[in-house]
Structure formats: structure tokens, C-alpha cells
Amino acid sequence: MSEAKKSTDQKEIKEWAEKHGGVPAIIKGTENDGKGEGVLRIHFPKKSDSNDSFEEISWEDFFRELEEKKLAVLLDPKTTFSKIVNRD
């Protein structure tokens, strides 16, 4: 994880995720007041036993949430480690 990089670049995030088999998702059960918002995540369906805990969303919705909440994605170029973090 020492090589993880914070990014807000949509192209970079999407390419990294797709290269590693990831999809944009929210954790089910974390939606706020039925608005469909939830805890954002890049999910790796082929590497997870808990597929039922995640709901895939569009890249458009994922990036809209990142922008609205001023978030970034921490990415490790060598692994599937990612984390949604504040931009600051």
C-alpha cells in the first residue's frame, strides 16, 4: 500500500478499476432516506464472497457522488487495494 496514490481523475480511476475487474458500487443498506446514496466502493465481484452486500452503480453516478462530496480514490497500482477518502 505504500505506493497508493490519491486520484480524482475519472479516466485514471475507471481504467484502474476495469483493469483489476472492479466496478463502481455502493454498500447495500447504507442508503440515506431512500435517495439511493450509500457508501461508495470499487467492488471486485470475482474476488469477493460477499456479492450480496454490494449494488453496482453506473460510473456516472459514482463520479457524481465523488464530486458532490469532494472525495478522491486512493489506488494501489500493484494490487486491488482502493479506498474512498476526502480530497484534503
PDB file of N, CA and C in Angstrom:
ATOM      1  N   MET A   1       0.814  -1.185   0.000  1.00  0.00           N
ATOM      2  CA  MET A   1       0.000   0.000   0.000  1.00  0.00           C
ATOM      3  C   MET A   1       0.863   1.256   0.000  1.00  0.00           C
ATOM      4  N   SER A   2       2.122   1.146   0.214  1.00  0.00           N
ATOM      5  CA  SER A   2       2.981   2.323   0.264  1.00  0.00           C
ATOM      6  C   SER A   2       3.015   3.074  -1.060  1.00  0.00           C
ATOM      7  N   GLU A   3       2.621   2.422  -2.149  1.00  0.00           N
ATOM      8  CA  GLU A   3       2.616   3.074  -3.447  1.00  0.00           C
ATOM      9  C   GLU A   3       1.243   3.616  -3.822  1.00  0.00           C
ATOM     10  N   ALA A   4       0.283   3.560  -2.903  1.00  0.00           N
ATOM     11  CA  ALA A   4      -1.061   4.033  -3.196  1.00  0.00           C
ATOM     12  C   ALA A   4      -1.035   5.519  -3.516  1.00  0.00           C
ATOM     13  N   LYS A   5      -1.890   5.897  -4.458  1.00  0.00           N
ATOM     14  CA  LYS A   5      -1.934   7.267  -4.948  1.00  0.00           C
ATOM     15  C   LYS A   5      -3.361   7.784  -4.877  1.00  0.00           C
ATOM     16  N   LYS A   6      -3.535   9.001  -4.396  1.00  0.00           N
ATOM     17  CA  LYS A   6      -4.849   9.629  -4.341  1.00  0.00           C
ATOM     18  C   LYS A   6      -5.165  10.202  -5.719  1.00  0.00           C
ATOM     19  N   SER A   7      -6.372   9.921  -6.210  1.00  0.00           N
ATOM     20  CA  SER A   7      -6.750  10.403  -7.536  1.00  0.00           C
ATOM     21  C   SER A   7      -8.189  10.880  -7.566  1.00  0.00           C
ATOM     22  N   THR A   8      -8.419  11.910  -8.362  1.00  0.00           N
ATOM     23  CA  THR A   8      -9.766  12.367  -8.691  1.00  0.00           C
ATOM     24  C   THR A   8      -9.994  12.289 -10.201  1.00  0.00           C
ATOM     25  N   ASP A   9      -8.996  11.810 -10.924  1.00  0.00           N
ATOM     26  CA  ASP A   9      -9.064  11.718 -12.377  1.00  0.00           C
ATOM     27  C   ASP A   9      -9.991  10.567 -12.772  1.00  0.00           C
ATOM     28  N   GLN A  10     -11.121  10.905 -13.367  1.00  0.00           N
ATOM     29  CA  GLN A  10     -12.127   9.893 -13.689  1.00  0.00           C
ATOM     30  C   GLN A  10     -11.595   8.812 -14.622  1.00  0.00           C
ATOM     31  N   LYS A  11     -10.848   9.209 -15.620  1.00  0.00           N
ATOM     32  CA  LYS A  11     -10.304   8.240 -16.572  1.00  0.00           C
ATOM     33  C   LYS A  11      -9.344   7.284 -15.867  1.00  0.00           C
ATOM     34  N   GLU A  12      -8.462   7.830 -15.049  1.00  0.00           N
ATOM     35  CA  GLU A  12      -7.491   7.003 -14.327  1.00  0.00           C
ATOM     36  C   GLU A  12      -8.195   6.018 -13.387  1.00  0.00           C
ATOM     37  N   ILE A  13      -9.188   6.484 -12.647  1.00  0.00           N
ATOM     38  CA  ILE A  13      -9.907   5.637 -11.702  1.00  0.00           C
ATOM     39  C   ILE A  13     -10.635   4.513 -12.435  1.00  0.00           C
ATOM     40  N   LYS A  14     -11.353   4.870 -13.487  1.00  0.00           N
ATOM     41  CA  LYS A  14     -12.118   3.871 -14.236  1.00  0.00           C
ATOM     42  C   LYS A  14     -11.193   2.843 -14.883  1.00  0.00           C
ATOM     43  N   GLU A  15     -10.110   3.290 -15.496  1.00  0.00           N
ATOM     44  CA  GLU A  15      -9.167   2.363 -16.139  1.00  0.00           C
ATOM     45  C   GLU A  15      -8.528   1.429 -15.107  1.00  0.00           C
ATOM     46  N   TRP A  16      -8.154   1.974 -13.956  1.00  0.00           N
ATOM     47  CA  TRP A  16      -7.560   1.149 -12.895  1.00  0.00           C
ATOM     48  C   TRP A  16      -8.556   0.083 -12.443  1.00  0.00           C
ATOM     49  N   ALA A  17      -9.788   0.509 -12.186  1.00  0.00           N
ATOM     50  CA  ALA A  17     -10.808  -0.429 -11.704  1.00  0.00           C
ATOM     51  C   ALA A  17     -11.072  -1.527 -12.729  1.00  0.00           C
ATOM     52  N   GLU A  18     -11.274  -1.147 -13.970  1.00  0.00           N
ATOM     53  CA  GLU A  18     -11.583  -2.136 -15.002  1.00  0.00           C
ATOM     54  C   GLU A  18     -10.406  -3.078 -15.240  1.00  0.00           C
ATOM     55  N   LYS A  19      -9.194  -2.574 -15.157  1.00  0.00           N
ATOM     56  CA  LYS A  19      -8.001  -3.418 -15.309  1.00  0.00           C
ATOM     57  C   LYS A  19      -7.965  -4.514 -14.245  1.00  0.00           C
ATOM     58  N   HIS A  20      -8.448  -4.186 -13.040  1.00  0.00           N
ATOM     59  CA  HIS A  20      -8.435  -5.133 -11.928  1.00  0.00           C
ATOM     60  C   HIS A  20      -9.771  -5.865 -11.741  1.00  0.00           C
ATOM     61  N   GLY A  21     -10.719  -5.666 -12.651  1.00  0.00           N
ATOM     62  CA  GLY A  21     -12.022  -6.336 -12.553  1.00  0.00           C
ATOM     63  C   GLY A  21     -12.988  -5.674 -11.597  1.00  0.00           C
ATOM     64  N   GLY A  22     -12.770  -4.391 -11.320  1.00  0.00           N
ATOM     65  CA  GLY A  22     -13.626  -3.673 -10.380  1.00  0.00           C
ATOM     66  C   GLY A  22     -14.765  -2.936 -11.051  1.00  0.00           C
ATOM     67  N   VAL A  23     -15.816  -2.734 -10.281  1.00  0.00           N
ATOM     68  CA  VAL A  23     -16.992  -1.996 -10.739  1.00  0.00           C
ATOM     69  C   VAL A  23     -17.382  -0.985  -9.663  1.00  0.00           C
ATOM     70  N   PRO A  24     -18.015   0.124 -10.050  1.00  0.00           N
ATOM     71  CA  PRO A  24     -18.480   1.084  -9.057  1.00  0.00           C
ATOM     72  C   PRO A  24     -19.685   0.502  -8.323  1.00  0.00           C
ATOM     73  N   ALA A  25     -19.725   0.708  -7.019  1.00  0.00           N
ATOM     74  CA  ALA A  25     -20.805   0.118  -6.235  1.00  0.00           C
ATOM     75  C   ALA A  25     -21.068   0.937  -4.980  1.00  0.00           C
ATOM     76  N   ILE A  26     -22.204   0.632  -4.360  1.00  0.00           N
ATOM     77  CA  ILE A  26     -22.494   1.130  -3.018  1.00  0.00           C
ATOM     78  C   ILE A  26     -22.705  -0.094  -2.135  1.00  0.00           C
ATOM     79  N   ILE A  27     -22.442   0.092  -0.862  1.00  0.00           N
ATOM     80  CA  ILE A  27     -22.693  -0.985   0.089  1.00  0.00           C
ATOM     81  C   ILE A  27     -24.177  -0.948   0.414  1.00  0.00           C
ATOM     82  N   LYS A  28     -24.882  -2.051   0.171  1.00  0.00           N
ATOM     83  CA  LYS A  28     -26.319  -2.113   0.429  1.00  0.00           C
ATOM     84  C   LYS A  28     -26.609  -1.860   1.901  1.00  0.00           C
ATOM     85  N   GLY A  29     -27.717  -1.192   2.125  1.00  0.00           N
ATOM     86  CA  GLY A  29     -28.119  -0.905   3.490  1.00  0.00           C
ATOM     87  C   GLY A  29     -27.547   0.387   4.031  1.00  0.00           C
ATOM     88  N   THR A  30     -26.767   1.091   3.234  1.00  0.00           N
ATOM     89  CA  THR A  30     -26.188   2.357   3.694  1.00  0.00           C
ATOM     90  C   THR A  30     -26.837   3.550   3.003  1.00  0.00           C
ATOM     91  N   GLU A  31     -27.935   3.294   2.278  1.00  0.00           N
ATOM     92  CA  GLU A  31     -28.616   4.375   1.577  1.00  0.00           C
ATOM     93  C   GLU A  31     -29.225   5.339   2.590  1.00  0.00           C
ATOM     94  N   ASN A  32     -29.253   6.614   2.236  1.00  0.00           N
ATOM     95  CA  ASN A  32     -29.795   7.648   3.118  1.00  0.00           C
ATOM     96  C   ASN A  32     -31.193   8.046   2.678  1.00  0.00           C
ATOM     97  N   ASP A  33     -32.165   7.803   3.528  1.00  0.00           N
ATOM     98  CA  ASP A  33     -33.536   8.277   3.302  1.00  0.00           C
ATOM     99  C   ASP A  33     -34.093   7.915   1.925  1.00  0.00           C
ATOM    100  N   GLY A  34     -33.733   6.775   1.396  1.00  0.00           N
ATOM    101  CA  GLY A  34     -34.269   6.329   0.133  1.00  0.00           C
ATOM    102  C   GLY A  34     -33.770   7.085  -1.076  1.00  0.00           C
ATOM    103  N   LYS A  35     -32.754   7.927  -0.934  1.00  0.00           N
ATOM    104  CA  LYS A  35     -32.230   8.695  -2.056  1.00  0.00           C
ATOM    105  C   LYS A  35     -31.339   7.848  -2.955  1.00  0.00           C
ATOM    106  N   GLY A  36     -31.021   6.638  -2.533  1.00  0.00           N
ATOM    107  CA  GLY A  36     -30.161   5.795  -3.337  1.00  0.00           C
ATOM    108  C   GLY A  36     -28.691   6.013  -3.066  1.00  0.00           C
ATOM    109  N   GLU A  37     -28.372   7.003  -2.231  1.00  0.00           N
ATOM    110  CA  GLU A  37     -26.979   7.242  -1.891  1.00  0.00           C
ATOM    111  C   GLU A  37     -26.541   6.194  -0.881  1.00  0.00           C
ATOM    112  N   GLY A  38     -25.307   5.809  -0.961  1.00  0.00           N
ATOM    113  CA  GLY A  38     -24.769   4.863   0.002  1.00  0.00           C
ATOM    114  C   GLY A  38     -23.268   5.000   0.043  1.00  0.00           C
ATOM    115  N   VAL A  39     -22.650   4.173   0.856  1.00  0.00           N
ATOM    116  CA  VAL A  39     -21.203   4.203   0.971  1.00  0.00           C
ATOM    117  C   VAL A  39     -20.604   3.728  -0.347  1.00  0.00           C
ATOM    118  N   LEU A  40     -19.821   4.586  -0.977  1.00  0.00           N
ATOM    119  CA  LEU A  40     -19.201   4.265  -2.263  1.00  0.00           C
ATOM    120  C   LEU A  40     -18.068   3.277  -2.093  1.00  0.00           C
ATOM    121  N   ARG A  41     -17.874   2.495  -3.148  1.00  0.00           N
ATOM    122  CA  ARG A  41     -16.810   1.498  -3.120  1.00  0.00           C
ATOM    123  C   ARG A  41     -16.503   1.065  -4.543  1.00  0.00           C
ATOM    124  N   ILE A  42     -15.277   0.668  -4.789  1.00  0.00           N
ATOM    125  CA  ILE A  42     -14.975  -0.074  -6.012  1.00  0.00           C
ATOM    126  C   ILE A  42     -14.994  -1.528  -5.581  1.00  0.00           C
ATOM    127  N   HIS A  43     -15.894  -2.269  -6.162  1.00  0.00           N
ATOM    128  CA  HIS A  43     -16.128  -3.658  -5.769  1.00  0.00           C
ATOM    129  C   HIS A  43     -15.528  -4.599  -6.811  1.00  0.00           C
ATOM    130  N   PHE A  44     -15.008  -5.720  -6.342  1.00  0.00           N
ATOM    131  CA  PHE A  44     -14.381  -6.718  -7.204  1.00  0.00           C
ATOM    132  C   PHE A  44     -15.189  -8.012  -7.108  1.00  0.00           C
ATOM    133  N   PRO A  45     -16.265  -8.130  -7.912  1.00  0.00           N
ATOM    134  CA  PRO A  45     -17.177  -9.272  -7.799  1.00  0.00           C
ATOM    135  C   PRO A  45     -16.503 -10.637  -7.918  1.00  0.00           C
ATOM    136  N   LYS A  46     -15.517 -10.764  -8.771  1.00  0.00           N
ATOM    137  CA  LYS A  46     -14.876 -12.066  -8.967  1.00  0.00           C
ATOM    138  C   LYS A  46     -13.946 -12.435  -7.818  1.00  0.00           C
ATOM    139  N   LYS A  47     -13.616 -11.485  -6.973  1.00  0.00           N
ATOM    140  CA  LYS A  47     -12.693 -11.731  -5.862  1.00  0.00           C
ATOM    141  C   LYS A  47     -13.391 -11.687  -4.514  1.00  0.00           C
ATOM    142  N   SER A  48     -14.711 -11.619  -4.510  1.00  0.00           N
ATOM    143  CA  SER A  48     -15.439 -11.437  -3.264  1.00  0.00           C
ATOM    144  C   SER A  48     -16.429 -12.560  -3.033  1.00  0.00           C
ATOM    145  N   ASP A  49     -16.565 -12.947  -1.780  1.00  0.00           N
ATOM    146  CA  ASP A  49     -17.581 -13.923  -1.392  1.00  0.00           C
ATOM    147  C   ASP A  49     -18.873 -13.237  -0.976  1.00  0.00           C
ATOM    148  N   SER A  50     -18.843 -11.913  -0.859  1.00  0.00           N
ATOM    149  CA  SER A  50     -19.992 -11.186  -0.327  1.00  0.00           C
ATOM    150  C   SER A  50     -20.673 -10.320  -1.383  1.00  0.00           C
ATOM    151  N   ASN A  51     -20.912 -10.878  -2.557  1.00  0.00           N
ATOM    152  CA  ASN A  51     -21.528 -10.114  -3.643  1.00  0.00           C
ATOM    153  C   ASN A  51     -22.877  -9.512  -3.259  1.00  0.00           C
ATOM    154  N   ASP A  52     -23.597 -10.174  -2.348  1.00  0.00           N
ATOM    155  CA  ASP A  52     -24.913  -9.687  -1.968  1.00  0.00           C
ATOM    156  C   ASP A  52     -24.867  -8.380  -1.189  1.00  0.00           C
ATOM    157  N   SER A  53     -23.716  -8.001  -0.663  1.00  0.00           N
ATOM    158  CA  SER A  53     -23.596  -6.791   0.141  1.00  0.00           C
ATOM    159  C   SER A  53     -23.411  -5.537  -0.708  1.00  0.00           C
ATOM    160  N   PHE A  54     -23.244  -5.704  -2.001  1.00  0.00           N
ATOM    161  CA  PHE A  54     -22.930  -4.580  -2.863  1.00  0.00           C
ATOM    162  C   PHE A  54     -23.945  -4.451  -3.988  1.00  0.00           C
ATOM    163  N   GLU A  55     -24.186  -3.210  -4.372  1.00  0.00           N
ATOM    164  CA  GLU A  55     -25.058  -2.938  -5.513  1.00  0.00           C
ATOM    165  C   GLU A  55     -24.267  -2.126  -6.525  1.00  0.00           C
ATOM    166  N   GLU A  56     -24.117  -2.681  -7.708  1.00  0.00           N
ATOM    167  CA  GLU A  56     -23.378  -1.977  -8.750  1.00  0.00           C
ATOM    168  C   GLU A  56     -24.151  -0.732  -9.173  1.00  0.00           C
ATOM    169  N   ILE A  57     -23.405   0.358  -9.388  1.00  0.00           N
ATOM    170  CA  ILE A  57     -23.987   1.607  -9.870  1.00  0.00           C
ATOM    171  C   ILE A  57     -23.238   2.024 -11.132  1.00  0.00           C
ATOM    172  N   SER A  58     -23.733   3.026 -11.811  1.00  0.00           N
ATOM    173  CA  SER A  58     -23.067   3.491 -13.025  1.00  0.00           C
ATOM    174  C   SER A  58     -21.835   4.308 -12.657  1.00  0.00           C
ATOM    175  N   TRP A  59     -20.903   4.377 -13.594  1.00  0.00           N
ATOM    176  CA  TRP A  59     -19.736   5.233 -13.390  1.00  0.00           C
ATOM    177  C   TRP A  59     -20.181   6.679 -13.251  1.00  0.00           C
ATOM    178  N   GLU A  60     -21.189   7.064 -13.999  1.00  0.00           N
ATOM    179  CA  GLU A  60     -21.695   8.431 -13.922  1.00  0.00           C
ATOM    180  C   GLU A  60     -22.144   8.757 -12.499  1.00  0.00           C
ATOM    181  N   ASP A  61     -22.917   7.852 -11.874  1.00  0.00           N
ATOM    182  CA  ASP A  61     -23.376   8.076 -10.507  1.00  0.00           C
ATOM    183  C   ASP A  61     -22.207   8.073  -9.526  1.00  0.00           C
ATOM    184  N   PHE A  62     -21.264   7.173  -9.733  1.00  0.00           N
ATOM    185  CA  PHE A  62     -20.092   7.080  -8.868  1.00  0.00           C
ATOM    186  C   PHE A  62     -19.307   8.397  -8.882  1.00  0.00           C
ATOM    187  N   PHE A  63     -19.021   8.896 -10.076  1.00  0.00           N
ATOM    188  CA  PHE A  63     -18.233  10.126 -10.182  1.00  0.00           C
ATOM    189  C   PHE A  63     -19.014  11.356  -9.730  1.00  0.00           C
ATOM    190  N   ARG A  64     -20.328  11.342  -9.918  1.00  0.00           N
ATOM    191  CA  ARG A  64     -21.150  12.452  -9.426  1.00  0.00           C
ATOM    192  C   ARG A  64     -21.048  12.529  -7.902  1.00  0.00           C
ATOM    193  N   GLU A  65     -21.129  11.385  -7.233  1.00  0.00           N
ATOM    194  CA  GLU A  65     -21.000  11.346  -5.780  1.00  0.00           C
ATOM    195  C   GLU A  65     -19.615  11.804  -5.325  1.00  0.00           C
ATOM    196  N   LEU A  66     -18.567  11.365  -6.027  1.00  0.00           N
ATOM    197  CA  LEU A  66     -17.211  11.800  -5.675  1.00  0.00           C
ATOM    198  C   LEU A  66     -17.104  13.318  -5.734  1.00  0.00           C
ATOM    199  N   GLU A  67     -17.664  13.909  -6.802  1.00  0.00           N
ATOM    200  CA  GLU A  67     -17.591  15.362  -6.978  1.00  0.00           C
ATOM    201  C   GLU A  67     -18.416  16.091  -5.923  1.00  0.00           C
ATOM    202  N   GLU A  68     -19.654  15.647  -5.725  1.00  0.00           N
ATOM    203  CA  GLU A  68     -20.541  16.337  -4.792  1.00  0.00           C
ATOM    204  C   GLU A  68     -20.013  16.304  -3.365  1.00  0.00           C
ATOM    205  N   LYS A  69     -19.405  15.199  -2.994  1.00  0.00           N
ATOM    206  CA  LYS A  69     -18.918  15.030  -1.618  1.00  0.00           C
ATOM    207  C   LYS A  69     -17.436  15.359  -1.477  1.00  0.00           C
ATOM    208  N   LYS A  70     -16.829  15.826  -2.568  1.00  0.00           N
ATOM    209  CA  LYS A  70     -15.408  16.201  -2.577  1.00  0.00           C
ATOM    210  C   LYS A  70     -14.526  15.060  -2.066  1.00  0.00           C
ATOM    211  N   LEU A  71     -14.695  13.905  -2.714  1.00  0.00           N
ATOM    212  CA  LEU A  71     -13.950  12.709  -2.365  1.00  0.00           C
ATOM    213  C   LEU A  71     -12.932  12.382  -3.444  1.00  0.00           C
ATOM    214  N   ALA A  72     -11.996  11.537  -3.104  1.00  0.00           N
ATOM    215  CA  ALA A  72     -10.991  11.020  -4.035  1.00  0.00           C
ATOM    216  C   ALA A  72     -10.896   9.518  -3.815  1.00  0.00           C
ATOM    217  N   VAL A  73     -10.166   8.855  -4.696  1.00  0.00           N
ATOM    218  CA  VAL A  73      -9.963   7.415  -4.559  1.00  0.00           C
ATOM    219  C   VAL A  73      -8.472   7.164  -4.377  1.00  0.00           C
ATOM    220  N   LEU A  74      -8.148   6.421  -3.340  1.00  0.00           N
ATOM    221  CA  LEU A  74      -6.777   6.008  -3.090  1.00  0.00           C
ATOM    222  C   LEU A  74      -6.587   4.681  -3.809  1.00  0.00           C
ATOM    223  N   LEU A  75      -5.623   4.619  -4.731  1.00  0.00           N
ATOM    224  CA  LEU A  75      -5.409   3.443  -5.576  1.00  0.00           C
ATOM    225  C   LEU A  75      -3.986   2.915  -5.414  1.00  0.00           C
ATOM    226  N   ASP A  76      -3.861   1.599  -5.345  1.00  0.00           N
ATOM    227  CA  ASP A  76      -2.545   0.974  -5.342  1.00  0.00           C
ATOM    228  C   ASP A  76      -2.336   0.371  -6.723  1.00  0.00           C
ATOM    229  N   PRO A  77      -1.310   0.786  -7.454  1.00  0.00           N
ATOM    230  CA  PRO A  77      -1.118   0.307  -8.823  1.00  0.00           C
ATOM    231  C   PRO A  77      -0.799  -1.189  -8.930  1.00  0.00           C
ATOM    232  N   LYS A  78      -0.326  -1.801  -7.846  1.00  0.00           N
ATOM    233  CA  LYS A  78       0.083  -3.211  -7.915  1.00  0.00           C
ATOM    234  C   LYS A  78      -0.939  -4.192  -7.354  1.00  0.00           C
ATOM    235  N   THR A  79      -1.960  -3.682  -6.659  1.00  0.00           N
ATOM    236  CA  THR A  79      -2.949  -4.573  -6.043  1.00  0.00           C
ATOM    237  C   THR A  79      -4.351  -4.054  -6.337  1.00  0.00           C
ATOM    238  N   THR A  80      -5.349  -4.695  -5.760  1.00  0.00           N
ATOM    239  CA  THR A  80      -6.724  -4.228  -5.900  1.00  0.00           C
ATOM    240  C   THR A  80      -7.138  -3.363  -4.714  1.00  0.00           C
ATOM    241  N   PHE A  81      -6.164  -2.883  -3.952  1.00  0.00           N
ATOM    242  CA  PHE A  81      -6.488  -2.001  -2.826  1.00  0.00           C
ATOM    243  C   PHE A  81      -6.980  -0.657  -3.357  1.00  0.00           C
ATOM    244  N   SER A  82      -8.130  -0.250  -2.846  1.00  0.00           N
ATOM    245  CA  SER A  82      -8.652   1.095  -3.108  1.00  0.00           C
ATOM    246  C   SER A  82      -9.441   1.529  -1.893  1.00  0.00           C
ATOM    247  N   LYS A  83      -9.518   2.829  -1.728  1.00  0.00           N
ATOM    248  CA  LYS A  83     -10.253   3.378  -0.597  1.00  0.00           C
ATOM    249  C   LYS A  83     -10.768   4.743  -0.989  1.00  0.00           C
ATOM    250  N   ILE A  84     -12.008   5.038  -0.622  1.00  0.00           N
ATOM    251  CA  ILE A  84     -12.587   6.346  -0.867  1.00  0.00           C
ATOM    252  C   ILE A  84     -12.181   7.244   0.304  1.00  0.00           C
ATOM    253  N   VAL A  85     -11.580   8.392  -0.018  1.00  0.00           N
ATOM    254  CA  VAL A  85     -11.068   9.293   1.021  1.00  0.00           C
ATOM    255  C   VAL A  85     -11.454  10.735   0.706  1.00  0.00           C
ATOM    256  N   ASN A  86     -11.330  11.601   1.704  1.00  0.00           N
ATOM    257  CA  ASN A  86     -11.528  13.032   1.482  1.00  0.00           C
ATOM    258  C   ASN A  86     -10.416  13.556   0.589  1.00  0.00           C
ATOM    259  N   ARG A  87     -10.713  14.558  -0.192  1.00  0.00           N
ATOM    260  CA  ARG A  87      -9.707  15.131  -1.087  1.00  0.00           C
ATOM    261  C   ARG A  87      -8.628  15.875  -0.332  1.00  0.00           C
ATOM    262  N   ASP A  88      -8.946  16.374   0.820  1.00  0.00           N
ATOM    263  CA  ASP A  88      -7.964  17.184   1.571  1.00  0.00           C
ATOM    264  C   ASP A  88      -6.816  16.395   2.084  1.00  0.00           C
TER     265      ASP A  88
END
